[in-house]
Amino acid sequence: MYSLSDFDFDLPPERIAQLPLPDRSASRLLQLDGEHITDRHFADIVDQLQAGDLLVMNNTRVLKARFFGVKESGGQVEVLVERVLDNRTVLAQVRASKSPKPGNRIRLADAFDVTAGERAGEFFTLHFEGDVFELIEAHGRLPLPPYIEHAADEFDEQRYQTVYSKEPGAVAAPTAGLHFDQPLLDKLAAKGVNFAYVTLHVGAGTFQPVRVEDLSQHNMHTEWYTIGQETVDAVRAAKAAGRDVVAVGTTSLRALESASQSGELVAGSADTALFITPGYKFRTVTRLITNFHLPKSTLLMLVSAFAGYAEIRKAYAHAIANEYRFFSYGDAMLLTTQSRL
């Protein structure tokens, strides 16, 4: 049994990537197969995949979900939209000296008003007077991760989205997908690699560290996902042909594994609170493309379950020693599940 302290590590601050590289596919790629580590460039992914392999990508699009505003009392407010419930209602984190009460109005971005509704756990329900997506796009700010020290600018608005983003609803990017540009996708397609998509709207909880030493006591954050029948069919075809199902990012993996709990992948939409730790049996995904993750995070536990605890510890030590770039704007890994080796 592993505990929280087993997933801690020391990361020099200079290893945290503060800016993306100008070229998406110019990042480095650490390939890990069992105990074997190979240093590559991300563009080498073309050579590591075979015709008939299936790349499953998360096509969520990041909302401009951060707002600064003012309460009717004059108090300052910071709002981070966590989830869009419908075209007039969201769940949001609200930071203020005093929490708003139901019925209180808040002026956001000096542009429009929202009305506070009932609390939902740590979140507040906020009611918009117009279309949520239009107002967010017109007046919000891109919510970069807390460890990135600069405010989002126009370059971030382009680079903190995948080139295949389509469905708005996330407050954080599925960052493994940031390494793909269209020329690289074209090369993969020309080789015969297939593509399928899921949608999982990444929540701010993805950045929260686990705070309990006993992992069985951790309350996993929920995220909404949907998987279409065409993706299910593509996965079944790849498996029938003996090819790899390669999740692009932990969010794609989490959606696929959440929809595979019956033992077989099924289409549908649901909230998932799946918490993957070492000992979990993967049902659908055989390889994973992912960035490097925060200490004590659920995502570090997930990749340790996928590729092996000792193997991940070794790979992270190698990455730090060899000056890989970490987290959302950093470099990537290509992992193989232990059951496939």
C-alpha atoms as a PDB file:
ATOM      1  CA  MET A   1       0.000   0.000   0.000  1.00  0.00           C
ATOM      2  CA  TYR A   2       1.334   3.400  -0.988  1.00  0.00           C
ATOM      3  CA  SER A   3       0.836   6.612   0.977  1.00  0.00           C
ATOM      4  CA  LEU A   4       1.007  10.269   0.000  1.00  0.00           C
ATOM      5  CA  SER A   5       4.660  10.732   0.913  1.00  0.00           C
ATOM      6  CA  ASP A   6       5.589   8.006  -1.579  1.00  0.00           C
ATOM      7  CA  PHE A   7       4.641  10.431  -4.368  1.00  0.00           C
ATOM      8  CA  ASP A   8       6.691  13.403  -3.248  1.00  0.00           C
ATOM      9  CA  PHE A   9       9.860  14.559  -4.976  1.00  0.00           C
ATOM     10  CA  ASP A  10      12.091  17.621  -5.013  1.00  0.00           C
ATOM     11  CA  LEU A  11      11.824  19.709  -8.160  1.00  0.00           C
ATOM     12  CA  PRO A  12      14.143  22.673  -8.696  1.00  0.00           C
ATOM     13  CA  PRO A  13      11.986  25.713  -9.526  1.00  0.00           C
ATOM     14  CA  GLU A  14      13.942  26.346 -12.706  1.00  0.00           C
ATOM     15  CA  ARG A  15      12.654  23.049 -14.109  1.00  0.00           C
ATOM     16  CA  ILE A  16       9.084  24.408 -14.232  1.00  0.00           C
ATOM     17  CA  ALA A  17       8.435  25.619 -17.773  1.00  0.00           C
ATOM     18  CA  GLN A  18       7.067  29.158 -17.637  1.00  0.00           C
ATOM     19  CA  LEU A  19       6.669  29.594 -21.389  1.00  0.00           C
ATOM     20  CA  PRO A  20       5.872  27.214 -24.235  1.00  0.00           C
ATOM     21  CA  LEU A  21       8.422  26.594 -26.952  1.00  0.00           C
ATOM     22  CA  PRO A  22       7.721  28.511 -30.174  1.00  0.00           C
ATOM     23  CA  ASP A  23       7.374  25.207 -32.059  1.00  0.00           C
ATOM     24  CA  ARG A  24       4.793  22.833 -30.510  1.00  0.00           C
ATOM     25  CA  SER A  25       6.514  19.635 -31.594  1.00  0.00           C
ATOM     26  CA  ALA A  26      10.024  20.778 -30.581  1.00  0.00           C
ATOM     27  CA  SER A  27       9.639  19.540 -27.006  1.00  0.00           C
ATOM     28  CA  ARG A  28      11.651  16.626 -25.713  1.00  0.00           C
ATOM     29  CA  LEU A  29      10.149  13.170 -25.255  1.00  0.00           C
ATOM     30  CA  LEU A  30      11.237  10.731 -22.567  1.00  0.00           C
ATOM     31  CA  GLN A  31      10.271   7.229 -23.651  1.00  0.00           C
ATOM     32  CA  LEU A  32       9.849   4.734 -20.825  1.00  0.00           C
ATOM     33  CA  ASP A  33       9.432   1.019 -21.514  1.00  0.00           C
ATOM     34  CA  GLY A  34       9.739  -0.867 -18.248  1.00  0.00           C
ATOM     35  CA  GLU A  35      13.083   0.209 -16.804  1.00  0.00           C
ATOM     36  CA  HIS A  36      14.438   1.303 -20.188  1.00  0.00           C
ATOM     37  CA  ILE A  37      14.653   5.082 -20.725  1.00  0.00           C
ATOM     38  CA  THR A  38      15.286   6.714 -24.110  1.00  0.00           C
ATOM     39  CA  ASP A  39      15.696  10.449 -24.652  1.00  0.00           C
ATOM     40  CA  ARG A  40      13.967  11.613 -27.814  1.00  0.00           C
ATOM     41  CA  HIS A  41      12.377  14.649 -29.441  1.00  0.00           C
ATOM     42  CA  PHE A  42       8.603  14.817 -29.523  1.00  0.00           C
ATOM     43  CA  ALA A  43       8.557  14.715 -33.325  1.00  0.00           C
ATOM     44  CA  ASP A  44      10.053  11.206 -32.992  1.00  0.00           C
ATOM     45  CA  ILE A  45       6.590  10.027 -31.918  1.00  0.00           C
ATOM     46  CA  VAL A  46       5.942   9.260 -35.588  1.00  0.00           C
ATOM     47  CA  ASP A  47       8.609   6.550 -35.499  1.00  0.00           C
ATOM     48  CA  GLN A  48       7.311   5.075 -32.227  1.00  0.00           C
ATOM     49  CA  LEU A  49       3.765   4.449 -33.480  1.00  0.00           C
ATOM     50  CA  GLN A  50       2.698   1.908 -36.078  1.00  0.00           C
ATOM     51  CA  ALA A  51       0.040   1.812 -38.770  1.00  0.00           C
ATOM     52  CA  GLY A  52      -3.221   0.804 -37.157  1.00  0.00           C
ATOM     53  CA  ASP A  53      -2.361   2.257 -33.748  1.00  0.00           C
ATOM     54  CA  LEU A  54      -5.095   4.518 -32.392  1.00  0.00           C
ATOM     55  CA  LEU A  55      -4.417   7.927 -30.865  1.00  0.00           C
ATOM     56  CA  VAL A  56      -7.282   9.002 -28.602  1.00  0.00           C
ATOM     57  CA  MET A  57      -7.332  12.748 -27.994  1.00  0.00           C
ATOM     58  CA  ASN A  58      -9.339  15.010 -25.704  1.00  0.00           C
ATOM     59  CA  ASN A  59     -10.965  17.707 -27.840  1.00  0.00           C
ATOM     60  CA  THR A  60     -12.057  19.926 -24.954  1.00  0.00           C
ATOM     61  CA  ARG A  61     -11.438  23.656 -25.340  1.00  0.00           C
ATOM     62  CA  VAL A  62     -10.243  25.869 -22.486  1.00  0.00           C
ATOM     63  CA  LEU A  63     -12.626  28.631 -21.451  1.00  0.00           C
ATOM     64  CA  LYS A  64     -11.468  32.138 -20.600  1.00  0.00           C
ATOM     65  CA  ALA A  65     -12.726  31.221 -17.183  1.00  0.00           C
ATOM     66  CA  ARG A  66     -11.067  33.791 -14.868  1.00  0.00           C
ATOM     67  CA  PHE A  67     -12.794  37.044 -13.958  1.00  0.00           C
ATOM     68  CA  PHE A  68     -12.154  39.920 -11.610  1.00  0.00           C
ATOM     69  CA  GLY A  69     -15.159  41.752 -10.317  1.00  0.00           C
ATOM     70  CA  VAL A  70     -16.887  43.807  -7.663  1.00  0.00           C
ATOM     71  CA  LYS A  71     -19.704  42.945  -5.275  1.00  0.00           C
ATOM     72  CA  GLU A  72     -22.595  45.345  -4.693  1.00  0.00           C
ATOM     73  CA  SER A  73     -20.890  46.236  -1.428  1.00  0.00           C
ATOM     74  CA  GLY A  74     -17.780  47.333  -3.325  1.00  0.00           C
ATOM     75  CA  GLY A  75     -15.694  44.351  -2.240  1.00  0.00           C
ATOM     76  CA  GLN A  76     -13.263  42.860  -4.726  1.00  0.00           C
ATOM     77  CA  VAL A  77     -13.983  39.396  -6.120  1.00  0.00           C
ATOM     78  CA  GLU A  78     -12.062  36.846  -8.183  1.00  0.00           C
ATOM     79  CA  VAL A  79     -14.145  34.234  -9.991  1.00  0.00           C
ATOM     80  CA  LEU A  80     -12.901  31.061 -11.657  1.00  0.00           C
ATOM     81  CA  VAL A  81     -15.575  29.189 -13.578  1.00  0.00           C
ATOM     82  CA  GLU A  82     -15.269  25.476 -12.812  1.00  0.00           C
ATOM     83  CA  ARG A  83     -18.123  24.060 -14.866  1.00  0.00           C
ATOM     84  CA  VAL A  84     -20.817  25.288 -17.213  1.00  0.00           C
ATOM     85  CA  LEU A  85     -24.136  23.769 -16.122  1.00  0.00           C
ATOM     86  CA  ASP A  86     -26.254  25.263 -18.905  1.00  0.00           C
ATOM     87  CA  ASN A  87     -26.135  28.315 -21.169  1.00  0.00           C
ATOM     88  CA  ARG A  88     -27.049  30.641 -18.255  1.00  0.00           C
ATOM     89  CA  THR A  89     -25.541  28.904 -15.193  1.00  0.00           C
ATOM     90  CA  VAL A  90     -22.063  27.947 -13.974  1.00  0.00           C
ATOM     91  CA  LEU A  91     -20.348  26.525 -10.931  1.00  0.00           C
ATOM     92  CA  ALA A  92     -17.427  28.708  -9.894  1.00  0.00           C
ATOM     93  CA  GLN A  93     -14.800  29.296  -7.270  1.00  0.00           C
ATOM     94  CA  VAL A  94     -15.360  32.730  -5.723  1.00  0.00           C
ATOM     95  CA  ARG A  95     -12.614  34.429  -3.750  1.00  0.00           C
ATOM     96  CA  ALA A  96     -13.727  37.401  -1.684  1.00  0.00           C
ATOM     97  CA  SER A  97     -13.291  38.784   1.832  1.00  0.00           C
ATOM     98  CA  LYS A  98     -16.873  37.677   2.511  1.00  0.00           C
ATOM     99  CA  SER A  99     -18.601  34.957   0.515  1.00  0.00           C
ATOM    100  CA  PRO A 100     -21.598  36.119  -1.544  1.00  0.00           C
ATOM    101  CA  LYS A 101     -25.054  35.113  -0.373  1.00  0.00           C
ATOM    102  CA  PRO A 102     -27.842  33.851  -2.655  1.00  0.00           C
ATOM    103  CA  GLY A 103     -29.306  36.792  -4.517  1.00  0.00           C
ATOM    104  CA  ASN A 104     -26.165  38.939  -4.319  1.00  0.00           C
ATOM    105  CA  ARG A 105     -25.118  40.492  -7.608  1.00  0.00           C
ATOM    106  CA  ILE A 106     -21.512  40.643  -8.789  1.00  0.00           C
ATOM    107  CA  ARG A 107     -20.208  42.861 -11.585  1.00  0.00           C
ATOM    108  CA  LEU A 108     -17.620  40.927 -13.638  1.00  0.00           C
ATOM    109  CA  ALA A 109     -14.940  42.487 -15.832  1.00  0.00           C
ATOM    110  CA  ASP A 110     -16.823  45.798 -15.546  1.00  0.00           C
ATOM    111  CA  ALA A 111     -19.007  44.409 -18.325  1.00  0.00           C
ATOM    112  CA  PHE A 112     -21.932  42.323 -17.017  1.00  0.00           C
ATOM    113  CA  ASP A 113     -23.641  41.151 -13.833  1.00  0.00           C
ATOM    114  CA  VAL A 114     -24.125  37.670 -12.400  1.00  0.00           C
ATOM    115  CA  THR A 115     -26.328  36.638  -9.507  1.00  0.00           C
ATOM    116  CA  ALA A 116     -25.108  34.285  -6.806  1.00  0.00           C
ATOM    117  CA  GLY A 117     -27.196  31.192  -6.152  1.00  0.00           C
ATOM    118  CA  GLU A 118     -26.833  28.347  -3.696  1.00  0.00           C
ATOM    119  CA  ARG A 119     -23.474  26.906  -2.723  1.00  0.00           C
ATOM    120  CA  ALA A 120     -22.488  23.502  -4.035  1.00  0.00           C
ATOM    121  CA  GLY A 121     -19.729  22.316  -1.762  1.00  0.00           C
ATOM    122  CA  GLU A 122     -16.689  24.509  -2.338  1.00  0.00           C
ATOM    123  CA  PHE A 123     -18.309  26.126  -5.393  1.00  0.00           C
ATOM    124  CA  PHE A 124     -20.933  28.796  -5.926  1.00  0.00           C
ATOM    125  CA  THR A 125     -23.744  28.700  -8.458  1.00  0.00           C
ATOM    126  CA  LEU A 126     -23.678  31.846 -10.589  1.00  0.00           C
ATOM    127  CA  HIS A 127     -26.540  32.856 -12.881  1.00  0.00           C
ATOM    128  CA  PHE A 128     -25.664  34.826 -16.024  1.00  0.00           C
ATOM    129  CA  GLU A 129     -28.037  37.247 -17.757  1.00  0.00           C
ATOM    130  CA  GLY A 130     -26.852  36.217 -21.206  1.00  0.00           C
ATOM    131  CA  ASP A 131     -25.230  33.294 -22.981  1.00  0.00           C
ATOM    132  CA  VAL A 132     -22.469  31.888 -20.755  1.00  0.00           C
ATOM    133  CA  PHE A 133     -20.105  30.921 -23.553  1.00  0.00           C
ATOM    134  CA  GLU A 134     -20.423  34.266 -25.355  1.00  0.00           C
ATOM    135  CA  LEU A 135     -19.825  36.303 -22.198  1.00  0.00           C
ATOM    136  CA  ILE A 136     -16.902  34.147 -21.097  1.00  0.00           C
ATOM    137  CA  GLU A 137     -15.228  34.360 -24.496  1.00  0.00           C
ATOM    138  CA  ALA A 138     -15.784  38.124 -24.768  1.00  0.00           C
ATOM    139  CA  HIS A 139     -14.772  39.203 -21.259  1.00  0.00           C
ATOM    140  CA  GLY A 140     -12.896  36.422 -19.435  1.00  0.00           C
ATOM    141  CA  ARG A 141      -9.206  35.769 -19.051  1.00  0.00           C
ATOM    142  CA  LEU A 142      -7.423  32.514 -19.801  1.00  0.00           C
ATOM    143  CA  PRO A 143      -6.749  30.699 -16.491  1.00  0.00           C
ATOM    144  CA  LEU A 144      -3.135  29.615 -16.658  1.00  0.00           C
ATOM    145  CA  PRO A 145      -2.022  27.083 -14.018  1.00  0.00           C
ATOM    146  CA  PRO A 146      -1.027  28.481 -10.599  1.00  0.00           C
ATOM    147  CA  TYR A 147       2.664  27.640 -11.066  1.00  0.00           C
ATOM    148  CA  ILE A 148       2.936  29.795 -14.219  1.00  0.00           C
ATOM    149  CA  GLU A 149       3.963  33.221 -13.005  1.00  0.00           C
ATOM    150  CA  HIS A 150       2.938  35.510 -15.873  1.00  0.00           C
ATOM    151  CA  ALA A 151      -0.539  36.692 -16.803  1.00  0.00           C
ATOM    152  CA  ALA A 152      -2.003  35.108 -19.916  1.00  0.00           C
ATOM    153  CA  ASP A 153      -1.413  37.060 -23.127  1.00  0.00           C
ATOM    154  CA  GLU A 154      -2.420  36.567 -26.761  1.00  0.00           C
ATOM    155  CA  PHE A 155       0.345  34.007 -27.284  1.00  0.00           C
ATOM    156  CA  ASP A 156      -0.967  31.933 -24.376  1.00  0.00           C
ATOM    157  CA  GLU A 157      -4.500  32.147 -25.761  1.00  0.00           C
ATOM    158  CA  GLN A 158      -3.246  30.336 -28.843  1.00  0.00           C
ATOM    159  CA  ARG A 159      -0.650  28.005 -27.280  1.00  0.00           C
ATOM    160  CA  TYR A 160      -2.682  26.881 -24.252  1.00  0.00           C
ATOM    161  CA  GLN A 161      -5.189  25.245 -26.608  1.00  0.00           C
ATOM    162  CA  THR A 162      -4.639  22.080 -28.609  1.00  0.00           C
ATOM    163  CA  VAL A 163      -4.837  22.499 -32.377  1.00  0.00           C
ATOM    164  CA  TYR A 164      -7.807  20.103 -32.370  1.00  0.00           C
ATOM    165  CA  SER A 165      -9.728  21.736 -29.486  1.00  0.00           C
ATOM    166  CA  LYS A 166     -13.421  21.892 -30.296  1.00  0.00           C
ATOM    167  CA  GLU A 167     -15.786  21.569 -27.327  1.00  0.00           C
ATOM    168  CA  PRO A 168     -15.624  24.513 -24.867  1.00  0.00           C
ATOM    169  CA  GLY A 169     -15.843  23.661 -21.190  1.00  0.00           C
ATOM    170  CA  ALA A 170     -12.393  23.106 -19.619  1.00  0.00           C
ATOM    171  CA  VAL A 171     -10.599  25.405 -17.201  1.00  0.00           C
ATOM    172  CA  ALA A 172      -7.233  23.721 -17.819  1.00  0.00           C
ATOM    173  CA  ALA A 173      -5.720  22.372 -21.022  1.00  0.00           C
ATOM    174  CA  PRO A 174      -5.184  18.664 -21.722  1.00  0.00           C
ATOM    175  CA  THR A 175      -1.510  19.507 -21.924  1.00  0.00           C
ATOM    176  CA  ALA A 176      -0.104  16.369 -23.566  1.00  0.00           C
ATOM    177  CA  GLY A 177      -1.993  17.439 -26.670  1.00  0.00           C
ATOM    178  CA  LEU A 178      -0.213  20.798 -26.798  1.00  0.00           C
ATOM    179  CA  HIS A 179       2.802  19.090 -28.429  1.00  0.00           C
ATOM    180  CA  PHE A 180       0.900  18.195 -31.601  1.00  0.00           C
ATOM    181  CA  ASP A 181       0.852  20.599 -34.529  1.00  0.00           C
ATOM    182  CA  GLN A 182      -0.949  19.995 -37.798  1.00  0.00           C
ATOM    183  CA  PRO A 183       2.154  18.902 -39.780  1.00  0.00           C
ATOM    184  CA  LEU A 184       2.887  16.254 -37.129  1.00  0.00           C
ATOM    185  CA  LEU A 185      -0.711  15.032 -37.185  1.00  0.00           C
ATOM    186  CA  ASP A 186      -0.490  14.841 -40.981  1.00  0.00           C
ATOM    187  CA  LYS A 187       2.668  12.721 -40.777  1.00  0.00           C
ATOM    188  CA  LEU A 188       0.990  10.335 -38.354  1.00  0.00           C
ATOM    189  CA  ALA A 189      -2.048  10.039 -40.593  1.00  0.00           C
ATOM    190  CA  ALA A 190       0.167   9.372 -43.618  1.00  0.00           C
ATOM    191  CA  LYS A 191       1.808   6.535 -41.699  1.00  0.00           C
ATOM    192  CA  GLY A 192      -1.582   4.939 -41.076  1.00  0.00           C
ATOM    193  CA  VAL A 193      -2.051   5.949 -37.434  1.00  0.00           C
ATOM    194  CA  ASN A 194      -5.752   6.431 -36.665  1.00  0.00           C
ATOM    195  CA  PHE A 195      -7.393   9.140 -34.545  1.00  0.00           C
ATOM    196  CA  ALA A 196     -10.397   9.183 -32.235  1.00  0.00           C
ATOM    197  CA  TYR A 197     -11.692  11.751 -29.775  1.00  0.00           C
ATOM    198  CA  VAL A 198     -13.210  11.974 -26.336  1.00  0.00           C
ATOM    199  CA  THR A 199     -14.311  15.083 -24.475  1.00  0.00           C
ATOM    200  CA  LEU A 200     -13.377  15.535 -20.829  1.00  0.00           C
ATOM    201  CA  HIS A 201     -13.707  19.036 -19.437  1.00  0.00           C
ATOM    202  CA  VAL A 202     -10.652  19.430 -17.207  1.00  0.00           C
ATOM    203  CA  GLY A 203     -11.438  21.085 -13.874  1.00  0.00           C
ATOM    204  CA  ALA A 204      -9.274  23.205 -11.587  1.00  0.00           C
ATOM    205  CA  GLY A 205      -9.102  20.224  -9.235  1.00  0.00           C
ATOM    206  CA  THR A 206      -6.453  18.764 -11.520  1.00  0.00           C
ATOM    207  CA  PHE A 207      -3.924  21.133  -9.885  1.00  0.00           C
ATOM    208  CA  GLN A 208      -4.881  20.321  -6.294  1.00  0.00           C
ATOM    209  CA  PRO A 209      -2.404  18.208  -4.332  1.00  0.00           C
ATOM    210  CA  VAL A 210      -3.638  15.297  -2.269  1.00  0.00           C
ATOM    211  CA  ARG A 211      -3.670  16.373   1.385  1.00  0.00           C
ATOM    212  CA  VAL A 212      -4.248  13.110   3.248  1.00  0.00           C
ATOM    213  CA  GLU A 213      -1.450  10.613   3.889  1.00  0.00           C
ATOM    214  CA  ASP A 214      -3.906   7.719   3.655  1.00  0.00           C
ATOM    215  CA  LEU A 215      -4.866   7.703  -0.039  1.00  0.00           C
ATOM    216  CA  SER A 216      -8.076   5.796   0.668  1.00  0.00           C
ATOM    217  CA  GLN A 217      -9.334   8.938   2.416  1.00  0.00           C
ATOM    218  CA  HIS A 218      -8.798  11.235  -0.577  1.00  0.00           C
ATOM    219  CA  ASN A 219     -11.938  12.832  -2.010  1.00  0.00           C
ATOM    220  CA  MET A 220     -11.325  12.792  -5.763  1.00  0.00           C
ATOM    221  CA  HIS A 221     -12.580  15.747  -7.800  1.00  0.00           C
ATOM    222  CA  THR A 222     -15.162  15.015 -10.490  1.00  0.00           C
ATOM    223  CA  GLU A 223     -14.982  15.849 -14.176  1.00  0.00           C
ATOM    224  CA  TRP A 224     -17.552  15.426 -16.937  1.00  0.00           C
ATOM    225  CA  TYR A 225     -16.760  13.351 -20.020  1.00  0.00           C
ATOM    226  CA  THR A 226     -18.467  11.993 -23.095  1.00  0.00           C
ATOM    227  CA  ILE A 227     -17.409   9.230 -25.486  1.00  0.00           C
ATOM    228  CA  GLY A 228     -19.167   8.640 -28.783  1.00  0.00           C
ATOM    229  CA  GLN A 229     -19.887   5.305 -30.408  1.00  0.00           C
ATOM    230  CA  GLU A 230     -17.439   6.067 -33.222  1.00  0.00           C
ATOM    231  CA  THR A 231     -14.611   6.206 -30.662  1.00  0.00           C
ATOM    232  CA  VAL A 232     -15.769   2.948 -29.081  1.00  0.00           C
ATOM    233  CA  ASP A 233     -15.778   1.331 -32.530  1.00  0.00           C
ATOM    234  CA  ALA A 234     -12.281   2.660 -33.283  1.00  0.00           C
ATOM    235  CA  VAL A 235     -10.934   1.280 -29.993  1.00  0.00           C
ATOM    236  CA  ARG A 236     -12.494  -2.125 -30.627  1.00  0.00           C
ATOM    237  CA  ALA A 237     -11.035  -2.205 -34.154  1.00  0.00           C
ATOM    238  CA  ALA A 238      -7.537  -1.360 -32.883  1.00  0.00           C
ATOM    239  CA  LYS A 239      -7.704  -4.011 -30.180  1.00  0.00           C
ATOM    240  CA  ALA A 240      -9.042  -6.621 -32.602  1.00  0.00           C
ATOM    241  CA  ALA A 241      -6.074  -5.898 -34.878  1.00  0.00           C
ATOM    242  CA  GLY A 242      -3.617  -6.181 -32.007  1.00  0.00           C
ATOM    243  CA  ARG A 243      -2.680  -2.506 -32.215  1.00  0.00           C
ATOM    244  CA  ASP A 244      -2.082  -0.028 -29.396  1.00  0.00           C
ATOM    245  CA  VAL A 245      -4.698   2.299 -27.941  1.00  0.00           C
ATOM    246  CA  VAL A 246      -2.624   5.376 -27.137  1.00  0.00           C
ATOM    247  CA  ALA A 247      -4.200   7.951 -24.835  1.00  0.00           C
ATOM    248  CA  VAL A 248      -2.995  11.488 -25.489  1.00  0.00           C
ATOM    249  CA  GLY A 249      -2.928  12.749 -21.929  1.00  0.00           C
ATOM    250  CA  THR A 250      -4.196  11.563 -18.581  1.00  0.00           C
ATOM    251  CA  THR A 251      -7.571  13.180 -19.309  1.00  0.00           C
ATOM    252  CA  SER A 252      -8.129  10.971 -22.357  1.00  0.00           C
ATOM    253  CA  LEU A 253      -7.020   7.966 -20.316  1.00  0.00           C
ATOM    254  CA  ARG A 254      -9.322   8.895 -17.444  1.00  0.00           C
ATOM    255  CA  ALA A 255     -12.308   9.164 -19.790  1.00  0.00           C
ATOM    256  CA  LEU A 256     -11.533   5.852 -21.501  1.00  0.00           C
ATOM    257  CA  GLU A 257     -10.940   3.961 -18.271  1.00  0.00           C
ATOM    258  CA  SER A 258     -14.001   5.506 -16.603  1.00  0.00           C
ATOM    259  CA  ALA A 259     -16.128   4.242 -19.491  1.00  0.00           C
ATOM    260  CA  SER A 260     -14.499   0.785 -19.266  1.00  0.00           C
ATOM    261  CA  GLN A 261     -15.399  -0.110 -15.693  1.00  0.00           C
ATOM    262  CA  SER A 262     -17.752  -2.857 -16.882  1.00  0.00           C
ATOM    263  CA  GLY A 263     -14.733  -4.507 -18.487  1.00  0.00           C
ATOM    264  CA  GLU A 264     -15.431  -3.173 -21.957  1.00  0.00           C
ATOM    265  CA  LEU A 265     -15.507   0.388 -23.304  1.00  0.00           C
ATOM    266  CA  VAL A 266     -19.030   1.757 -23.725  1.00  0.00           C
ATOM    267  CA  ALA A 267     -20.290   5.013 -25.218  1.00  0.00           C
ATOM    268  CA  GLY A 268     -21.979   7.624 -23.064  1.00  0.00           C
ATOM    269  CA  SER A 269     -21.616  10.707 -20.888  1.00  0.00           C
ATOM    270  CA  ALA A 270     -21.071  10.861 -17.142  1.00  0.00           C
ATOM    271  CA  ASP A 271     -19.236  12.491 -14.266  1.00  0.00           C
ATOM    272  CA  THR A 272     -16.131  10.610 -13.251  1.00  0.00           C
ATOM    273  CA  ALA A 273     -14.372  10.563  -9.902  1.00  0.00           C
ATOM    274  CA  LEU A 274     -12.092   7.679 -10.892  1.00  0.00           C
ATOM    275  CA  PHE A 275      -8.954   7.717  -8.720  1.00  0.00           C
ATOM    276  CA  ILE A 276      -6.211   5.579 -10.259  1.00  0.00           C
ATOM    277  CA  THR A 277      -3.391   4.430  -7.989  1.00  0.00           C
ATOM    278  CA  PRO A 278      -0.843   1.588  -8.259  1.00  0.00           C
ATOM    279  CA  GLY A 279      -2.651  -1.735  -8.392  1.00  0.00           C
ATOM    280  CA  TYR A 280      -5.329  -0.487 -10.778  1.00  0.00           C
ATOM    281  CA  LYS A 281      -5.934  -2.782 -13.756  1.00  0.00           C
ATOM    282  CA  PHE A 282      -6.095  -0.863 -17.038  1.00  0.00           C
ATOM    283  CA  ARG A 283      -8.842  -2.130 -19.305  1.00  0.00           C
ATOM    284  CA  THR A 284      -8.491  -0.097 -22.503  1.00  0.00           C
ATOM    285  CA  VAL A 285      -5.331   2.029 -22.767  1.00  0.00           C
ATOM    286  CA  THR A 286      -1.999   0.359 -23.597  1.00  0.00           C
ATOM    287  CA  ARG A 287       0.255   3.409 -24.124  1.00  0.00           C
ATOM    288  CA  LEU A 288       0.136   6.963 -22.788  1.00  0.00           C
ATOM    289  CA  ILE A 289       1.560  10.290 -23.907  1.00  0.00           C
ATOM    290  CA  THR A 290       1.741  12.635 -20.939  1.00  0.00           C
ATOM    291  CA  ASN A 291       3.602  15.592 -19.471  1.00  0.00           C
ATOM    292  CA  PHE A 292       5.453  15.550 -16.150  1.00  0.00           C
ATOM    293  CA  HIS A 293       3.193  15.980 -13.128  1.00  0.00           C
ATOM    294  CA  LEU A 294       3.190  17.760  -9.783  1.00  0.00           C
ATOM    295  CA  PRO A 295       4.492  16.102  -6.611  1.00  0.00           C
ATOM    296  CA  LYS A 296       1.775  14.497  -4.474  1.00  0.00           C
ATOM    297  CA  SER A 297      -0.735  14.790  -7.331  1.00  0.00           C
ATOM    298  CA  THR A 298      -3.345  12.269  -8.415  1.00  0.00           C
ATOM    299  CA  LEU A 299      -1.817  12.371 -11.899  1.00  0.00           C
ATOM    300  CA  LEU A 300       1.591  11.266 -10.613  1.00  0.00           C
ATOM    301  CA  MET A 301      -0.205   8.377  -8.914  1.00  0.00           C
ATOM    302  CA  LEU A 302      -1.968   7.557 -12.186  1.00  0.00           C
ATOM    303  CA  VAL A 303       1.229   7.345 -14.253  1.00  0.00           C
ATOM    304  CA  SER A 304       2.861   5.301 -11.479  1.00  0.00           C
ATOM    305  CA  ALA A 305      -0.023   2.848 -11.750  1.00  0.00           C
ATOM    306  CA  PHE A 306       0.363   2.768 -15.522  1.00  0.00           C
ATOM    307  CA  ALA A 307       4.124   2.401 -15.980  1.00  0.00           C
ATOM    308  CA  GLY A 308       5.241   1.185 -12.545  1.00  0.00           C
ATOM    309  CA  TYR A 309       6.028   3.053  -9.343  1.00  0.00           C
ATOM    310  CA  ALA A 310       9.778   2.380  -9.310  1.00  0.00           C
ATOM    311  CA  GLU A 311      10.018   2.984 -13.050  1.00  0.00           C
ATOM    312  CA  ILE A 312       8.346   6.395 -12.795  1.00  0.00           C
ATOM    313  CA  ARG A 313      10.572   7.395  -9.869  1.00  0.00           C
ATOM    314  CA  LYS A 314      13.604   6.494 -11.964  1.00  0.00           C
ATOM    315  CA  ALA A 315      12.282   8.349 -15.014  1.00  0.00           C
ATOM    316  CA  TYR A 316      11.522  11.518 -13.048  1.00  0.00           C
ATOM    317  CA  ALA A 317      14.983  11.489 -11.479  1.00  0.00           C
ATOM    318  CA  HIS A 318      16.447  11.090 -14.960  1.00  0.00           C
ATOM    319  CA  ALA A 319      14.309  13.944 -16.291  1.00  0.00           C
ATOM    320  CA  ILE A 320      15.379  16.307 -13.508  1.00  0.00           C
ATOM    321  CA  ALA A 321      19.061  15.398 -13.890  1.00  0.00           C
ATOM    322  CA  ASN A 322      18.849  15.896 -17.655  1.00  0.00           C
ATOM    323  CA  GLU A 323      17.017  19.226 -17.417  1.00  0.00           C
ATOM    324  CA  TYR A 324      13.668  18.295 -18.887  1.00  0.00           C
ATOM    325  CA  ARG A 325      10.994  20.978 -18.659  1.00  0.00           C
ATOM    326  CA  PHE A 326       8.112  20.170 -16.291  1.00  0.00           C
ATOM    327  CA  PHE A 327       4.343  20.669 -16.128  1.00  0.00           C
ATOM    328  CA  SER A 328       1.859  22.229 -18.573  1.00  0.00           C
ATOM    329  CA  TYR A 329       4.302  24.013 -20.885  1.00  0.00           C
ATOM    330  CA  GLY A 330       7.006  21.391 -20.425  1.00  0.00           C
ATOM    331  CA  ASP A 331       8.234  18.239 -22.135  1.00  0.00           C
ATOM    332  CA  ALA A 332       6.460  14.915 -22.580  1.00  0.00           C
ATOM    333  CA  MET A 333       6.752  11.203 -21.824  1.00  0.00           C
ATOM    334  CA  LEU A 334       5.707   8.151 -23.814  1.00  0.00           C
ATOM    335  CA  LEU A 335       4.753   5.344 -21.423  1.00  0.00           C
ATOM    336  CA  THR A 336       3.838   1.717 -21.968  1.00  0.00           C
ATOM    337  CA  THR A 337       1.540  -0.036 -19.541  1.00  0.00           C
ATOM    338  CA  GLN A 338       3.191  -2.787 -17.524  1.00  0.00           C
ATOM    339  CA  SER A 339       0.736  -5.406 -18.758  1.00  0.00           C
ATOM    340  CA  ARG A 340       1.876  -4.887 -22.362  1.00  0.00           C
ATOM    341  CA  LEU A 341       5.614  -5.278 -21.703  1.00  0.00           C
END
